[in-house]
PDB file of N, CA and C in Angstrom:
ATOM      1  N   MET A   1       1.361  14.080   2.209  1.00  0.00           N
ATOM      2  CA  MET A   1       1.231  13.314   3.433  1.00  0.00           C
ATOM      3  C   MET A   1       2.091  12.060   3.309  1.00  0.00           C
ATOM      4  N   GLU A   2       2.795  11.748   4.347  1.00  0.00           N
ATOM      5  CA  GLU A   2       3.601  10.520   4.376  1.00  0.00           C
ATOM      6  C   GLU A   2       2.979   9.521   5.335  1.00  0.00           C
ATOM      7  N   ARG A   3       3.039   8.265   4.957  1.00  0.00           N
ATOM      8  CA  ARG A   3       2.574   7.174   5.814  1.00  0.00           C
ATOM      9  C   ARG A   3       3.643   6.099   5.818  1.00  0.00           C
ATOM     10  N   SER A   4       3.669   5.337   6.867  1.00  0.00           N
ATOM     11  CA  SER A   4       4.643   4.245   6.971  1.00  0.00           C
ATOM     12  C   SER A   4       3.940   2.901   6.900  1.00  0.00           C
ATOM     13  N   PHE A   5       4.538   2.000   6.149  1.00  0.00           N
ATOM     14  CA  PHE A   5       4.054   0.635   6.042  1.00  0.00           C
ATOM     15  C   PHE A   5       5.246  -0.293   6.194  1.00  0.00           C
ATOM     16  N   THR A   6       4.977  -1.547   6.502  1.00  0.00           N
ATOM     17  CA  THR A   6       6.046  -2.532   6.630  1.00  0.00           C
ATOM     18  C   THR A   6       6.180  -3.284   5.316  1.00  0.00           C
ATOM     19  N   GLY A   7       7.309  -3.108   4.656  1.00  0.00           N
ATOM     20  CA  GLY A   7       7.579  -3.831   3.423  1.00  0.00           C
ATOM     21  C   GLY A   7       8.271  -5.139   3.736  1.00  0.00           C
ATOM     22  N   VAL A   8       7.783  -6.220   3.155  1.00  0.00           N
ATOM     23  CA  VAL A   8       8.391  -7.533   3.324  1.00  0.00           C
ATOM     24  C   VAL A   8       8.970  -7.925   1.966  1.00  0.00           C
ATOM     25  N   PHE A   9      10.250  -8.311   1.953  1.00  0.00           N
ATOM     26  CA  PHE A   9      10.959  -8.630   0.716  1.00  0.00           C
ATOM     27  C   PHE A   9      11.536 -10.036   0.823  1.00  0.00           C
ATOM     28  N   VAL A  10      11.174 -10.879  -0.109  1.00  0.00           N
ATOM     29  CA  VAL A  10      11.591 -12.281  -0.083  1.00  0.00           C
ATOM     30  C   VAL A  10      12.302 -12.600  -1.397  1.00  0.00           C
ATOM     31  N   LYS A  11      13.511 -13.119  -1.304  1.00  0.00           N
ATOM     32  CA  LYS A  11      14.261 -13.518  -2.492  1.00  0.00           C
ATOM     33  C   LYS A  11      13.691 -14.836  -2.996  1.00  0.00           C
ATOM     34  N   ASP A  12      13.259 -14.854  -4.259  1.00  0.00           N
ATOM     35  CA  ASP A  12      12.674 -16.054  -4.855  1.00  0.00           C
ATOM     36  C   ASP A  12      13.356 -16.284  -6.200  1.00  0.00           C
ATOM     37  N   GLY A  13      14.373 -17.113  -6.207  1.00  0.00           N
ATOM     38  CA  GLY A  13      15.155 -17.317  -7.422  1.00  0.00           C
ATOM     39  C   GLY A  13      15.892 -16.041  -7.790  1.00  0.00           C
ATOM     40  N   LYS A  14      15.663 -15.540  -9.001  1.00  0.00           N
ATOM     41  CA  LYS A  14      16.322 -14.317  -9.457  1.00  0.00           C
ATOM     42  C   LYS A  14      15.528 -13.063  -9.110  1.00  0.00           C
ATOM     43  N   TRP A  15      14.360 -13.210  -8.483  1.00  0.00           N
ATOM     44  CA  TRP A  15      13.470 -12.089  -8.211  1.00  0.00           C
ATOM     45  C   TRP A  15      13.356 -11.808  -6.719  1.00  0.00           C
ATOM     46  N   TRP A  16      13.033 -10.564  -6.403  1.00  0.00           N
ATOM     47  CA  TRP A  16      12.631 -10.170  -5.060  1.00  0.00           C
ATOM     48  C   TRP A  16      11.120  -9.956  -5.098  1.00  0.00           C
ATOM     49  N   VAL A  17      10.386 -10.696  -4.295  1.00  0.00           N
ATOM     50  CA  VAL A  17       8.942 -10.553  -4.178  1.00  0.00           C
ATOM     51  C   VAL A  17       8.692  -9.655  -2.971  1.00  0.00           C
ATOM     52  N   ALA A  18       7.762  -8.699  -3.114  1.00  0.00           N
ATOM     53  CA  ALA A  18       7.542  -7.723  -2.050  1.00  0.00           C
ATOM     54  C   ALA A  18       6.056  -7.496  -1.807  1.00  0.00           C
ATOM     55  N   TYR A  19       5.719  -7.253  -0.538  1.00  0.00           N
ATOM     56  CA  TYR A  19       4.350  -6.873  -0.198  1.00  0.00           C
ATOM     57  C   TYR A  19       4.353  -6.012   1.054  1.00  0.00           C
ATOM     58  N   ALA A  20       3.277  -5.263   1.245  1.00  0.00           N
ATOM     59  CA  ALA A  20       3.105  -4.439   2.443  1.00  0.00           C
ATOM     60  C   ALA A  20       2.232  -5.218   3.413  1.00  0.00           C
ATOM     61  N   GLU A  21       2.766  -5.478   4.599  1.00  0.00           N
ATOM     62  CA  GLU A  21       2.037  -6.287   5.588  1.00  0.00           C
ATOM     63  C   GLU A  21       0.664  -5.723   5.916  1.00  0.00           C
ATOM     64  N   GLU A  22       0.567  -4.416   6.031  1.00  0.00           N
ATOM     65  CA  GLU A  22      -0.658  -3.791   6.512  1.00  0.00           C
ATOM     66  C   GLU A  22      -1.676  -3.493   5.416  1.00  0.00           C
ATOM     67  N   LEU A  23      -1.349  -3.786   4.176  1.00  0.00           N
ATOM     68  CA  LEU A  23      -2.217  -3.369   3.074  1.00  0.00           C
ATOM     69  C   LEU A  23      -2.413  -4.512   2.079  1.00  0.00           C
ATOM     70  N   PRO A  24      -3.435  -5.340   2.297  1.00  0.00           N
ATOM     71  CA  PRO A  24      -3.679  -6.443   1.359  1.00  0.00           C
ATOM     72  C   PRO A  24      -3.812  -5.932  -0.075  1.00  0.00           C
ATOM     73  N   GLY A  25      -3.196  -6.638  -0.987  1.00  0.00           N
ATOM     74  CA  GLY A  25      -3.256  -6.255  -2.383  1.00  0.00           C
ATOM     75  C   GLY A  25      -2.061  -5.446  -2.851  1.00  0.00           C
ATOM     76  N   ALA A  26      -1.267  -4.958  -1.908  1.00  0.00           N
ATOM     77  CA  ALA A  26      -0.066  -4.195  -2.275  1.00  0.00           C
ATOM     78  C   ALA A  26       1.105  -5.166  -2.352  1.00  0.00           C
ATOM     79  N   ASN A  27       1.308  -5.731  -3.529  1.00  0.00           N
ATOM     80  CA  ASN A  27       2.407  -6.671  -3.728  1.00  0.00           C
ATOM     81  C   ASN A  27       2.991  -6.485  -5.123  1.00  0.00           C
ATOM     82  N   THR A  28       4.258  -6.852  -5.260  1.00  0.00           N
ATOM     83  CA  THR A  28       4.969  -6.632  -6.509  1.00  0.00           C
ATOM     84  C   THR A  28       6.228  -7.481  -6.510  1.00  0.00           C
ATOM     85  N   GLN A  29       7.119  -7.203  -7.443  1.00  0.00           N
ATOM     86  CA  GLN A  29       8.406  -7.896  -7.502  1.00  0.00           C
ATOM     87  C   GLN A  29       9.405  -7.007  -8.216  1.00  0.00           C
ATOM     88  N   GLY A  30      10.668  -7.413  -8.160  1.00  0.00           N
ATOM     89  CA  GLY A  30      11.717  -6.698  -8.872  1.00  0.00           C
ATOM     90  C   GLY A  30      12.938  -7.584  -9.014  1.00  0.00           C
ATOM     91  N   ARG A  31      13.763  -7.283 -10.000  1.00  0.00           N
ATOM     92  CA  ARG A  31      14.981  -8.076 -10.200  1.00  0.00           C
ATOM     93  C   ARG A  31      16.021  -7.792  -9.121  1.00  0.00           C
ATOM     94  N   THR A  32      15.977  -6.579  -8.566  1.00  0.00           N
ATOM     95  CA  THR A  32      16.876  -6.220  -7.470  1.00  0.00           C
ATOM     96  C   THR A  32      16.032  -5.799  -6.274  1.00  0.00           C
ATOM     97  N   LEU A  33      16.652  -5.770  -5.110  1.00  0.00           N
ATOM     98  CA  LEU A  33      15.945  -5.325  -3.908  1.00  0.00           C
ATOM     99  C   LEU A  33      15.483  -3.884  -4.074  1.00  0.00           C
ATOM    100  N   GLU A  34      16.338  -3.042  -4.627  1.00  0.00           N
ATOM    101  CA  GLU A  34      15.976  -1.635  -4.828  1.00  0.00           C
ATOM    102  C   GLU A  34      14.789  -1.503  -5.782  1.00  0.00           C
ATOM    103  N   GLU A  35      14.783  -2.277  -6.871  1.00  0.00           N
ATOM    104  CA  GLU A  35      13.668  -2.228  -7.812  1.00  0.00           C
ATOM    105  C   GLU A  35      12.375  -2.693  -7.144  1.00  0.00           C
ATOM    106  N   ALA A  36      12.455  -3.756  -6.354  1.00  0.00           N
ATOM    107  CA  ALA A  36      11.280  -4.251  -5.638  1.00  0.00           C
ATOM    108  C   ALA A  36      10.783  -3.206  -4.648  1.00  0.00           C
ATOM    109  N   ARG A  37      11.693  -2.528  -3.968  1.00  0.00           N
ATOM    110  CA  ARG A  37      11.333  -1.485  -3.000  1.00  0.00           C
ATOM    111  C   ARG A  37      10.590  -0.338  -3.701  1.00  0.00           C
ATOM    112  N   GLU A  38      11.127   0.121  -4.822  1.00  0.00           N
ATOM    113  CA  GLU A  38      10.488   1.220  -5.560  1.00  0.00           C
ATOM    114  C   GLU A  38       9.141   0.779  -6.128  1.00  0.00           C
ATOM    115  N   ASN A  39       9.081  -0.442  -6.644  1.00  0.00           N
ATOM    116  CA  ASN A  39       7.817  -0.962  -7.163  1.00  0.00           C
ATOM    117  C   ASN A  39       6.764  -1.065  -6.069  1.00  0.00           C
ATOM    118  N   LEU A  40       7.193  -1.442  -4.859  1.00  0.00           N
ATOM    119  CA  LEU A  40       6.248  -1.553  -3.748  1.00  0.00           C
ATOM    120  C   LEU A  40       5.736  -0.181  -3.344  1.00  0.00           C
ATOM    121  N   LYS A  41       6.600   0.811  -3.332  1.00  0.00           N
ATOM    122  CA  LYS A  41       6.151   2.178  -3.025  1.00  0.00           C
ATOM    123  C   LYS A  41       5.090   2.609  -4.032  1.00  0.00           C
ATOM    124  N   ASP A  42       5.315   2.322  -5.308  1.00  0.00           N
ATOM    125  CA  ASP A  42       4.340   2.660  -6.344  1.00  0.00           C
ATOM    126  C   ASP A  42       3.029   1.899  -6.137  1.00  0.00           C
ATOM    127  N   ALA A  43       3.135   0.613  -5.835  1.00  0.00           N
ATOM    128  CA  ALA A  43       1.936  -0.209  -5.635  1.00  0.00           C
ATOM    129  C   ALA A  43       1.104   0.295  -4.461  1.00  0.00           C
ATOM    130  N   VAL A  44       1.768   0.646  -3.369  1.00  0.00           N
ATOM    131  CA  VAL A  44       1.062   1.167  -2.192  1.00  0.00           C
ATOM    132  C   VAL A  44       0.377   2.485  -2.536  1.00  0.00           C
ATOM    133  N   SER A  45       1.078   3.389  -3.192  1.00  0.00           N
ATOM    134  CA  SER A  45       0.498   4.688  -3.564  1.00  0.00           C
ATOM    135  C   SER A  45      -0.724   4.511  -4.460  1.00  0.00           C
ATOM    136  N   LEU A  46      -0.593   3.653  -5.468  1.00  0.00           N
ATOM    137  CA  LEU A  46      -1.714   3.433  -6.388  1.00  0.00           C
ATOM    138  C   LEU A  46      -2.905   2.787  -5.690  1.00  0.00           C
ATOM    139  N   LEU A  47      -2.641   1.827  -4.817  1.00  0.00           N
ATOM    140  CA  LEU A  47      -3.719   1.152  -4.112  1.00  0.00           C
ATOM    141  C   LEU A  47      -4.464   2.121  -3.190  1.00  0.00           C
ATOM    142  N   LEU A  48      -3.734   2.976  -2.497  1.00  0.00           N
ATOM    143  CA  LEU A  48      -4.379   3.962  -1.627  1.00  0.00           C
ATOM    144  C   LEU A  48      -5.221   4.938  -2.450  1.00  0.00           C
ATOM    145  N   GLU A  49      -4.713   5.352  -3.588  1.00  0.00           N
ATOM    146  CA  GLU A  49      -5.446   6.276  -4.462  1.00  0.00           C
ATOM    147  C   GLU A  49      -6.741   5.634  -4.967  1.00  0.00           C
ATOM    148  N   VAL A  50      -6.647   4.396  -5.435  1.00  0.00           N
ATOM    149  CA  VAL A  50      -7.828   3.688  -5.939  1.00  0.00           C
ATOM    150  C   VAL A  50      -8.838   3.461  -4.822  1.00  0.00           C
ATOM    151  N   ASN A  51      -8.373   3.066  -3.638  1.00  0.00           N
ATOM    152  CA  ASN A  51      -9.277   2.844  -2.509  1.00  0.00           C
ATOM    153  C   ASN A  51     -10.010   4.129  -2.132  1.00  0.00           C
ATOM    154  N   ARG A  52      -9.296   5.264  -2.150  1.00  0.00           N
ATOM    155  CA  ARG A  52      -9.921   6.550  -1.835  1.00  0.00           C
ATOM    156  C   ARG A  52     -10.996   6.888  -2.876  1.00  0.00           C
ATOM    157  N   GLU A  53     -10.698   6.689  -4.153  1.00  0.00           N
ATOM    158  CA  GLU A  53     -11.662   6.975  -5.209  1.00  0.00           C
ATOM    159  C   GLU A  53     -12.902   6.085  -5.082  1.00  0.00           C
ATOM    160  N   LEU A  54     -12.693   4.806  -4.788  1.00  0.00           N
ATOM    161  CA  LEU A  54     -13.831   3.889  -4.621  1.00  0.00           C
ATOM    162  C   LEU A  54     -14.683   4.287  -3.422  1.00  0.00           C
ATOM    163  N   ALA A  55     -14.050   4.680  -2.334  1.00  0.00           N
ATOM    164  CA  ALA A  55     -14.784   5.091  -1.140  1.00  0.00           C
ATOM    165  C   ALA A  55     -15.611   6.340  -1.430  1.00  0.00           C
ATOM    166  N   GLN A  56     -15.055   7.289  -2.161  1.00  0.00           N
ATOM    167  CA  GLN A  56     -15.784   8.519  -2.480  1.00  0.00           C
ATOM    168  C   GLN A  56     -16.981   8.231  -3.381  1.00  0.00           C
ATOM    169  N   LYS A  57     -16.844   7.267  -4.295  1.00  0.00           N
ATOM    170  CA  LYS A  57     -17.976   6.891  -5.151  1.00  0.00           C
ATOM    171  C   LYS A  57     -19.089   6.264  -4.314  1.00  0.00           C
ATOM    172  N   GLU A  58     -18.716   5.444  -3.333  1.00  0.00           N
ATOM    173  CA  GLU A  58     -19.713   4.793  -2.486  1.00  0.00           C
ATOM    174  C   GLU A  58     -20.436   5.804  -1.605  1.00  0.00           C
ATOM    175  N   ILE A  59     -19.715   6.832  -1.163  1.00  0.00           N
ATOM    176  CA  ILE A  59     -20.306   7.856  -0.295  1.00  0.00           C
ATOM    177  C   ILE A  59     -21.257   8.734  -1.092  1.00  0.00           C
ATOM    178  N   GLY A  60     -20.873   9.042  -2.321  1.00  0.00           N
ATOM    179  CA  GLY A  60     -21.711   9.871  -3.177  1.00  0.00           C
ATOM    180  C   GLY A  60     -21.912  11.257  -2.591  1.00  0.00           C
ATOM    181  N   ASP A  61     -23.171  11.689  -2.524  1.00  0.00           N
ATOM    182  CA  ASP A  61     -23.502  13.036  -2.037  1.00  0.00           C
ATOM    183  C   ASP A  61     -23.757  13.074  -0.535  1.00  0.00           C
ATOM    184  N   ARG A  62     -23.666  11.938   0.120  1.00  0.00           N
ATOM    185  CA  ARG A  62     -23.951  11.911   1.556  1.00  0.00           C
ATOM    186  C   ARG A  62     -22.882  12.662   2.339  1.00  0.00           C
ATOM    187  N   LYS A  63     -23.281  13.198   3.474  1.00  0.00           N
ATOM    188  CA  LYS A  63     -22.352  13.891   4.354  1.00  0.00           C
ATOM    189  C   LYS A  63     -21.391  12.869   4.957  1.00  0.00           C
ATOM    190  N   PHE A  64     -20.108  13.223   5.022  1.00  0.00           N
ATOM    191  CA  PHE A  64     -19.135  12.320   5.625  1.00  0.00           C
ATOM    192  C   PHE A  64     -18.035  13.136   6.296  1.00  0.00           C
ATOM    193  N   ARG A  65     -17.261  12.451   7.075  1.00  0.00           N
ATOM    194  CA  ARG A  65     -16.145  13.079   7.781  1.00  0.00           C
ATOM    195  C   ARG A  65     -14.937  12.173   7.656  1.00  0.00           C
ATOM    196  N   ARG A  66     -13.802  12.741   7.358  1.00  0.00           N
ATOM    197  CA  ARG A  66     -12.550  11.997   7.277  1.00  0.00           C
ATOM    198  C   ARG A  66     -11.661  12.489   8.417  1.00  0.00           C
ATOM    199  N   GLU A  67     -11.095  11.565   9.180  1.00  0.00           N
ATOM    200  CA  GLU A  67     -10.198  11.946  10.267  1.00  0.00           C
ATOM    201  C   GLU A  67      -9.091  10.921  10.440  1.00  0.00           C
ATOM    202  N   GLU A  68      -8.026  11.361  11.045  1.00  0.00           N
ATOM    203  CA  GLU A  68      -6.876  10.485  11.283  1.00  0.00           C
ATOM    204  C   GLU A  68      -7.258   9.429  12.316  1.00  0.00           C
ATOM    205  N   LEU A  69      -6.821   8.215  12.073  1.00  0.00           N
ATOM    206  CA  LEU A  69      -7.065   7.112  12.988  1.00  0.00           C
ATOM    207  C   LEU A  69      -5.711   6.574  13.431  1.00  0.00           C
ATOM    208  N   VAL A  70      -5.447   6.654  14.717  1.00  0.00           N
ATOM    209  CA  VAL A  70      -4.177   6.185  15.245  1.00  0.00           C
ATOM    210  C   VAL A  70      -4.434   4.904  16.030  1.00  0.00           C
ATOM    211  N   VAL A  71      -3.725   3.853  15.690  1.00  0.00           N
ATOM    212  CA  VAL A  71      -3.884   2.557  16.328  1.00  0.00           C
ATOM    213  C   VAL A  71      -2.530   2.085  16.820  1.00  0.00           C
ATOM    214  N   LYS A  72      -2.467   1.702  18.075  1.00  0.00           N
ATOM    215  CA  LYS A  72      -1.225   1.148  18.612  1.00  0.00           C
ATOM    216  C   LYS A  72      -1.271  -0.356  18.484  1.00  0.00           C
ATOM    217  N   THR A  73      -0.174  -0.932  18.024  1.00  0.00           N
ATOM    218  CA  THR A  73      -0.101  -2.383  17.879  1.00  0.00           C
ATOM    219  C   THR A  73       0.966  -2.931  18.814  1.00  0.00           C
ATOM    220  N   VAL A  74       0.880  -4.193  19.027  1.00  0.00           N
ATOM    221  CA  VAL A  74       1.828  -4.833  19.932  1.00  0.00           C
ATOM    222  C   VAL A  74       3.099  -5.223  19.209  1.00  0.00           C
TER     223      VAL A  74
END
């Protein structure tokens, strides 16, 4: 499954600092823009995986339903 997020990249001295606007906690850095971009992709993937695992632990044996949520923004 592919998802889209907005990556924000800010040059700070010799480093590129990066974060995903829509996903608090998904932030990283890299010496080059490309390295920061790849690191951010990894950070987003790992954060989504951890969040899913935590949610499943909280749900436990209870019945639940997962469905796509589409939100339009301005």
